[in-house]
Structures are given as structure tokens and as C-alpha cells.
Amino acid sequence: MKTTLRSQELSCPTCVSKIEKMLTGTEGVRGATVHFNTGRIEVDHDSDAVTETDLVEVVQRAGYAAEASAF
């Protein structure tokens, strides 16, 4: 399943790396791409193992606000 999140708090390329690393280190996540300019976070994951809410919480633990988005 692919889920799109949104964060308005991305201020540097380090933010991108940190969020991608946290997400891809989460069990059930197959891949994550963070788009610095738009704040769009695309996550490919197993919906039985990790929920949209779980993904938002991972981004928050990385230190950034995030919300589910219909982009």
C-alpha cells in the first residue's frame, strides 16, 4: 500500500534523510521518499503491519509534524 503524508516543517536536506531513515527502519515499511520542496512524504508499506497513524507517529518521533494527505 502507498500512503502519502505531508509535513510543513522540512527546512533542510538533513530533515529528508532523517525522516527517510526512520521510516525505512520501521517494520512493514518497504520504502519511503521525502520531497523536500513540497513536504510530501510517500511511503510504501504493508498495511497489515503498519498503519497510516503509525507512519505519522514515526515522523513525529523524528522531530517533525506530519499529517495524512490526499495530495
PDB file of N, CA and C in Angstrom:
ATOM      1  N   MET A   1       0.846  -1.166   0.000  1.00  0.00           N
ATOM      2  CA  MET A   1       0.000   0.000   0.000  1.00  0.00           C
ATOM      3  C   MET A   1       0.894   1.233   0.000  1.00  0.00           C
ATOM      4  N   LYS A   2       0.427   2.277  -0.666  1.00  0.00           N
ATOM      5  CA  LYS A   2       1.161   3.541  -0.661  1.00  0.00           C
ATOM      6  C   LYS A   2       0.347   4.580   0.100  1.00  0.00           C
ATOM      7  N   THR A   3       1.018   5.258   1.020  1.00  0.00           N
ATOM      8  CA  THR A   3       0.398   6.302   1.816  1.00  0.00           C
ATOM      9  C   THR A   3       1.192   7.580   1.623  1.00  0.00           C
ATOM     10  N   THR A   4       0.481   8.685   1.508  1.00  0.00           N
ATOM     11  CA  THR A   4       1.130   9.985   1.376  1.00  0.00           C
ATOM     12  C   THR A   4       0.875  10.802   2.635  1.00  0.00           C
ATOM     13  N   LEU A   5       1.954  11.298   3.188  1.00  0.00           N
ATOM     14  CA  LEU A   5       1.893  12.182   4.351  1.00  0.00           C
ATOM     15  C   LEU A   5       2.388  13.557   3.911  1.00  0.00           C
ATOM     16  N   ARG A   6       2.175  14.534   4.755  1.00  0.00           N
ATOM     17  CA  ARG A   6       2.617  15.887   4.458  1.00  0.00           C
ATOM     18  C   ARG A   6       3.230  16.505   5.707  1.00  0.00           C
ATOM     19  N   SER A   7       4.338  17.218   5.500  1.00  0.00           N
ATOM     20  CA  SER A   7       4.968  17.946   6.596  1.00  0.00           C
ATOM     21  C   SER A   7       5.371  19.324   6.101  1.00  0.00           C
ATOM     22  N   GLN A   8       5.032  20.328   6.861  1.00  0.00           N
ATOM     23  CA  GLN A   8       5.392  21.710   6.522  1.00  0.00           C
ATOM     24  C   GLN A   8       6.704  22.126   7.180  1.00  0.00           C
ATOM     25  N   GLU A   9       7.320  21.238   7.931  1.00  0.00           N
ATOM     26  CA  GLU A   9       8.476  21.606   8.749  1.00  0.00           C
ATOM     27  C   GLU A   9       9.829  21.225   8.161  1.00  0.00           C
ATOM     28  N   LEU A  10       9.890  20.867   6.906  1.00  0.00           N
ATOM     29  CA  LEU A  10      11.160  20.453   6.326  1.00  0.00           C
ATOM     30  C   LEU A  10      11.973  21.690   5.965  1.00  0.00           C
ATOM     31  N   SER A  11      13.097  21.880   6.645  1.00  0.00           N
ATOM     32  CA  SER A  11      13.880  23.088   6.433  1.00  0.00           C
ATOM     33  C   SER A  11      15.262  22.835   5.838  1.00  0.00           C
ATOM     34  N   CYS A  12      15.641  21.553   5.720  1.00  0.00           N
ATOM     35  CA  CYS A  12      16.969  21.265   5.183  1.00  0.00           C
ATOM     36  C   CYS A  12      17.030  19.823   4.676  1.00  0.00           C
ATOM     37  N   PRO A  13      18.014  19.505   3.841  1.00  0.00           N
ATOM     38  CA  PRO A  13      18.159  18.138   3.330  1.00  0.00           C
ATOM     39  C   PRO A  13      18.371  17.103   4.441  1.00  0.00           C
ATOM     40  N   THR A  14      18.922  17.526   5.563  1.00  0.00           N
ATOM     41  CA  THR A  14      19.109  16.603   6.683  1.00  0.00           C
ATOM     42  C   THR A  14      17.766  16.100   7.189  1.00  0.00           C
ATOM     43  N   CYS A  15      16.751  16.953   7.162  1.00  0.00           N
ATOM     44  CA  CYS A  15      15.395  16.556   7.567  1.00  0.00           C
ATOM     45  C   CYS A  15      14.926  15.380   6.720  1.00  0.00           C
ATOM     46  N   VAL A  16      15.158  15.493   5.422  1.00  0.00           N
ATOM     47  CA  VAL A  16      14.749  14.456   4.485  1.00  0.00           C
ATOM     48  C   VAL A  16      15.404  13.129   4.846  1.00  0.00           C
ATOM     49  N   SER A  17      16.712  13.148   5.040  1.00  0.00           N
ATOM     50  CA  SER A  17      17.451  11.919   5.374  1.00  0.00           C
ATOM     51  C   SER A  17      16.969  11.303   6.675  1.00  0.00           C
ATOM     52  N   LYS A  18      16.758  12.145   7.660  1.00  0.00           N
ATOM     53  CA  LYS A  18      16.334  11.649   8.975  1.00  0.00           C
ATOM     54  C   LYS A  18      14.969  10.968   8.895  1.00  0.00           C
ATOM     55  N   ILE A  19      14.028  11.597   8.208  1.00  0.00           N
ATOM     56  CA  ILE A  19      12.679  11.022   8.089  1.00  0.00           C
ATOM     57  C   ILE A  19      12.715   9.740   7.275  1.00  0.00           C
ATOM     58  N   GLU A  20      13.414   9.747   6.141  1.00  0.00           N
ATOM     59  CA  GLU A  20      13.502   8.530   5.325  1.00  0.00           C
ATOM     60  C   GLU A  20      14.126   7.382   6.108  1.00  0.00           C
ATOM     61  N   LYS A  21      15.178   7.672   6.868  1.00  0.00           N
ATOM     62  CA  LYS A  21      15.851   6.637   7.661  1.00  0.00           C
ATOM     63  C   LYS A  21      14.917   6.069   8.728  1.00  0.00           C
ATOM     64  N   MET A  22      14.199   6.939   9.416  1.00  0.00           N
ATOM     65  CA  MET A  22      13.262   6.486  10.458  1.00  0.00           C
ATOM     66  C   MET A  22      12.150   5.629   9.850  1.00  0.00           C
ATOM     67  N   LEU A  23      11.604   6.070   8.733  1.00  0.00           N
ATOM     68  CA  LEU A  23      10.501   5.325   8.109  1.00  0.00           C
ATOM     69  C   LEU A  23      10.974   3.980   7.567  1.00  0.00           C
ATOM     70  N   THR A  24      12.086   3.968   6.841  1.00  0.00           N
ATOM     71  CA  THR A  24      12.544   2.707   6.261  1.00  0.00           C
ATOM     72  C   THR A  24      13.035   1.734   7.320  1.00  0.00           C
ATOM     73  N   GLY A  25      13.350   2.228   8.507  1.00  0.00           N
ATOM     74  CA  GLY A  25      13.741   1.359   9.612  1.00  0.00           C
ATOM     75  C   GLY A  25      12.554   0.797  10.381  1.00  0.00           C
ATOM     76  N   THR A  26      11.350   1.152   9.948  1.00  0.00           N
ATOM     77  CA  THR A  26      10.131   0.693  10.606  1.00  0.00           C
ATOM     78  C   THR A  26       9.666  -0.616   9.984  1.00  0.00           C
ATOM     79  N   GLU A  27       9.396  -1.597  10.835  1.00  0.00           N
ATOM     80  CA  GLU A  27       8.929  -2.889  10.338  1.00  0.00           C
ATOM     81  C   GLU A  27       7.651  -2.702   9.522  1.00  0.00           C
ATOM     82  N   GLY A  28       7.626  -3.302   8.344  1.00  0.00           N
ATOM     83  CA  GLY A  28       6.458  -3.224   7.473  1.00  0.00           C
ATOM     84  C   GLY A  28       6.573  -2.147   6.404  1.00  0.00           C
ATOM     85  N   VAL A  29       7.590  -1.285   6.513  1.00  0.00           N
ATOM     86  CA  VAL A  29       7.801  -0.247   5.507  1.00  0.00           C
ATOM     87  C   VAL A  29       8.804  -0.763   4.474  1.00  0.00           C
ATOM     88  N   ARG A  30       8.385  -0.734   3.206  1.00  0.00           N
ATOM     89  CA  ARG A  30       9.251  -1.207   2.121  1.00  0.00           C
ATOM     90  C   ARG A  30      10.094  -0.084   1.527  1.00  0.00           C
ATOM     91  N   GLY A  31       9.620   1.138   1.649  1.00  0.00           N
ATOM     92  CA  GLY A  31      10.371   2.265   1.102  1.00  0.00           C
ATOM     93  C   GLY A  31       9.701   3.573   1.463  1.00  0.00           C
ATOM     94  N   ALA A  32      10.488   4.644   1.460  1.00  0.00           N
ATOM     95  CA  ALA A  32       9.958   5.970   1.768  1.00  0.00           C
ATOM     96  C   ALA A  32      10.740   7.008   0.978  1.00  0.00           C
ATOM     97  N   THR A  33      10.016   7.962   0.433  1.00  0.00           N
ATOM     98  CA  THR A  33      10.626   9.068  -0.303  1.00  0.00           C
ATOM     99  C   THR A  33      10.062  10.372   0.240  1.00  0.00           C
ATOM    100  N   VAL A  34      10.949  11.266   0.617  1.00  0.00           N
ATOM    101  CA  VAL A  34      10.543  12.572   1.136  1.00  0.00           C
ATOM    102  C   VAL A  34      10.922  13.626   0.094  1.00  0.00           C
ATOM    103  N   HIS A  35       9.962  14.450  -0.276  1.00  0.00           N
ATOM    104  CA  HIS A  35      10.183  15.520  -1.243  1.00  0.00           C
ATOM    105  C   HIS A  35      10.329  16.831  -0.477  1.00  0.00           C
ATOM    106  N   PHE A  36      11.558  17.307  -0.398  1.00  0.00           N
ATOM    107  CA  PHE A  36      11.896  18.477   0.402  1.00  0.00           C
ATOM    108  C   PHE A  36      11.082  19.713   0.011  1.00  0.00           C
ATOM    109  N   ASN A  37      10.985  20.002  -1.273  1.00  0.00           N
ATOM    110  CA  ASN A  37      10.334  21.242  -1.717  1.00  0.00           C
ATOM    111  C   ASN A  37       8.839  21.284  -1.451  1.00  0.00           C
ATOM    112  N   THR A  38       8.180  20.134  -1.475  1.00  0.00           N
ATOM    113  CA  THR A  38       6.723  20.115  -1.308  1.00  0.00           C
ATOM    114  C   THR A  38       6.276  19.639   0.064  1.00  0.00           C
ATOM    115  N   GLY A  39       7.166  19.001   0.815  1.00  0.00           N
ATOM    116  CA  GLY A  39       6.785  18.440   2.107  1.00  0.00           C
ATOM    117  C   GLY A  39       6.036  17.130   1.979  1.00  0.00           C
ATOM    118  N   ARG A  40       6.010  16.579   0.785  1.00  0.00           N
ATOM    119  CA  ARG A  40       5.297  15.325   0.526  1.00  0.00           C
ATOM    120  C   ARG A  40       6.172  14.140   0.949  1.00  0.00           C
ATOM    121  N   ILE A  41       5.568  13.217   1.668  1.00  0.00           N
ATOM    122  CA  ILE A  41       6.262  12.015   2.137  1.00  0.00           C
ATOM    123  C   ILE A  41       5.478  10.819   1.613  1.00  0.00           C
ATOM    124  N   GLU A  42       6.092  10.041   0.730  1.00  0.00           N
ATOM    125  CA  GLU A  42       5.437   8.874   0.141  1.00  0.00           C
ATOM    126  C   GLU A  42       6.016   7.617   0.777  1.00  0.00           C
ATOM    127  N   VAL A  43       5.129   6.783   1.284  1.00  0.00           N
ATOM    128  CA  VAL A  43       5.575   5.587   1.994  1.00  0.00           C
ATOM    129  C   VAL A  43       4.913   4.355   1.383  1.00  0.00           C
ATOM    130  N   ASP A  44       5.733   3.392   1.004  1.00  0.00           N
ATOM    131  CA  ASP A  44       5.246   2.101   0.516  1.00  0.00           C
ATOM    132  C   ASP A  44       5.357   1.138   1.700  1.00  0.00           C
ATOM    133  N   HIS A  45       4.201   0.575   2.102  1.00  0.00           N
ATOM    134  CA  HIS A  45       4.215  -0.245   3.315  1.00  0.00           C
ATOM    135  C   HIS A  45       3.157  -1.339   3.262  1.00  0.00           C
ATOM    136  N   ASP A  46       3.312  -2.288   4.161  1.00  0.00           N
ATOM    137  CA  ASP A  46       2.344  -3.363   4.364  1.00  0.00           C
ATOM    138  C   ASP A  46       1.307  -2.835   5.346  1.00  0.00           C
ATOM    139  N   SER A  47       0.082  -2.628   4.876  1.00  0.00           N
ATOM    140  CA  SER A  47      -0.961  -2.034   5.723  1.00  0.00           C
ATOM    141  C   SER A  47      -1.384  -2.945   6.873  1.00  0.00           C
ATOM    142  N   ASP A  48      -1.051  -4.229   6.806  1.00  0.00           N
ATOM    143  CA  ASP A  48      -1.349  -5.130   7.917  1.00  0.00           C
ATOM    144  C   ASP A  48      -0.326  -4.978   9.044  1.00  0.00           C
ATOM    145  N   ALA A  49       0.867  -4.488   8.706  1.00  0.00           N
ATOM    146  CA  ALA A  49       1.931  -4.362   9.698  1.00  0.00           C
ATOM    147  C   ALA A  49       2.056  -2.959  10.270  1.00  0.00           C
ATOM    148  N   VAL A  50       1.744  -1.950   9.464  1.00  0.00           N
ATOM    149  CA  VAL A  50       1.914  -0.557   9.899  1.00  0.00           C
ATOM    150  C   VAL A  50       0.787   0.288   9.309  1.00  0.00           C
ATOM    151  N   THR A  51       0.163   1.084  10.152  1.00  0.00           N
ATOM    152  CA  THR A  51      -0.978   1.900   9.722  1.00  0.00           C
ATOM    153  C   THR A  51      -0.532   3.321   9.383  1.00  0.00           C
ATOM    154  N   GLU A  52      -1.434   4.067   8.800  1.00  0.00           N
ATOM    155  CA  GLU A  52      -1.174   5.474   8.500  1.00  0.00           C
ATOM    156  C   GLU A  52      -0.845   6.242   9.788  1.00  0.00           C
ATOM    157  N   THR A  53      -1.571   5.944  10.839  1.00  0.00           N
ATOM    158  CA  THR A  53      -1.315   6.582  12.132  1.00  0.00           C
ATOM    159  C   THR A  53       0.081   6.243  12.635  1.00  0.00           C
ATOM    160  N   ASP A  54       0.505   4.996  12.463  1.00  0.00           N
ATOM    161  CA  ASP A  54       1.857   4.589  12.858  1.00  0.00           C
ATOM    162  C   ASP A  54       2.904   5.405  12.102  1.00  0.00           C
ATOM    163  N   LEU A  55       2.672   5.615  10.810  1.00  0.00           N
ATOM    164  CA  LEU A  55       3.626   6.360   9.985  1.00  0.00           C
ATOM    165  C   LEU A  55       3.738   7.808  10.448  1.00  0.00           C
ATOM    166  N   VAL A  56       2.613   8.421  10.754  1.00  0.00           N
ATOM    167  CA  VAL A  56       2.618   9.796  11.270  1.00  0.00           C
ATOM    168  C   VAL A  56       3.416   9.847  12.569  1.00  0.00           C
ATOM    169  N   GLU A  57       3.225   8.864  13.426  1.00  0.00           N
ATOM    170  CA  GLU A  57       3.940   8.829  14.704  1.00  0.00           C
ATOM    171  C   GLU A  57       5.444   8.670  14.514  1.00  0.00           C
ATOM    172  N   VAL A  58       5.856   7.905  13.509  1.00  0.00           N
ATOM    173  CA  VAL A  58       7.288   7.743  13.222  1.00  0.00           C
ATOM    174  C   VAL A  58       7.891   9.093  12.825  1.00  0.00           C
ATOM    175  N   VAL A  59       7.207   9.820  11.970  1.00  0.00           N
ATOM    176  CA  VAL A  59       7.698  11.142  11.549  1.00  0.00           C
ATOM    177  C   VAL A  59       7.750  12.088  12.754  1.00  0.00           C
ATOM    178  N   GLN A  60       6.757  12.010  13.609  1.00  0.00           N
ATOM    179  CA  GLN A  60       6.747  12.850  14.804  1.00  0.00           C
ATOM    180  C   GLN A  60       7.897  12.493  15.738  1.00  0.00           C
ATOM    181  N   ARG A  61       8.208  11.207  15.870  1.00  0.00           N
ATOM    182  CA  ARG A  61       9.347  10.790  16.704  1.00  0.00           C
ATOM    183  C   ARG A  61      10.670  11.280  16.124  1.00  0.00           C
ATOM    184  N   ALA A  62      10.692  11.481  14.801  1.00  0.00           N
ATOM    185  CA  ALA A  62      11.887  12.024  14.151  1.00  0.00           C
ATOM    186  C   ALA A  62      12.017  13.522  14.426  1.00  0.00           C
ATOM    187  N   GLY A  63      10.955  14.128  14.967  1.00  0.00           N
ATOM    188  CA  GLY A  63      11.010  15.528  15.337  1.00  0.00           C
ATOM    189  C   GLY A  63      10.255  16.477  14.427  1.00  0.00           C
ATOM    190  N   TYR A  64       9.369  15.933  13.587  1.00  0.00           N
ATOM    191  CA  TYR A  64       8.652  16.758  12.622  1.00  0.00           C
ATOM    192  C   TYR A  64       7.153  16.493  12.683  1.00  0.00           C
ATOM    193  N   ALA A  65       6.385  17.534  12.499  1.00  0.00           N
ATOM    194  CA  ALA A  65       4.922  17.372  12.427  1.00  0.00           C
ATOM    195  C   ALA A  65       4.593  16.732  11.087  1.00  0.00           C
ATOM    196  N   ALA A  66       3.553  15.914  11.087  1.00  0.00           N
ATOM    197  CA  ALA A  66       3.113  15.279   9.842  1.00  0.00           C
ATOM    198  C   ALA A  66       1.625  14.981   9.949  1.00  0.00           C
ATOM    199  N   GLU A  67       1.001  14.878   8.805  1.00  0.00           N
ATOM    200  CA  GLU A  67      -0.415  14.515   8.755  1.00  0.00           C
ATOM    201  C   GLU A  67      -0.654  13.724   7.482  1.00  0.00           C
ATOM    202  N   ALA A  68      -1.692  12.921   7.508  1.00  0.00           N
ATOM    203  CA  ALA A  68      -2.084  12.185   6.312  1.00  0.00           C
ATOM    204  C   ALA A  68      -2.548  13.201   5.289  1.00  0.00           C
ATOM    205  N   SER A  69      -2.286  12.925   4.040  1.00  0.00           N
ATOM    206  CA  SER A  69      -2.621  13.891   2.997  1.00  0.00           C
ATOM    207  C   SER A  69      -3.189  13.195   1.784  1.00  0.00           C
ATOM    208  N   ALA A  70      -4.134  13.860   1.150  1.00  0.00           N
ATOM    209  CA  ALA A  70      -4.700  13.355  -0.097  1.00  0.00           C
ATOM    210  C   ALA A  70      -3.985  13.944  -1.300  1.00  0.00           C
ATOM    211  N   PHE A  71      -2.993  14.806  -1.073  1.00  0.00           N
ATOM    212  CA  PHE A  71      -2.199  15.453  -2.125  1.00  0.00           C
ATOM    213  C   PHE A  71      -2.748  15.143  -3.490  1.00  0.00           C
TER     214      PHE A  71
END
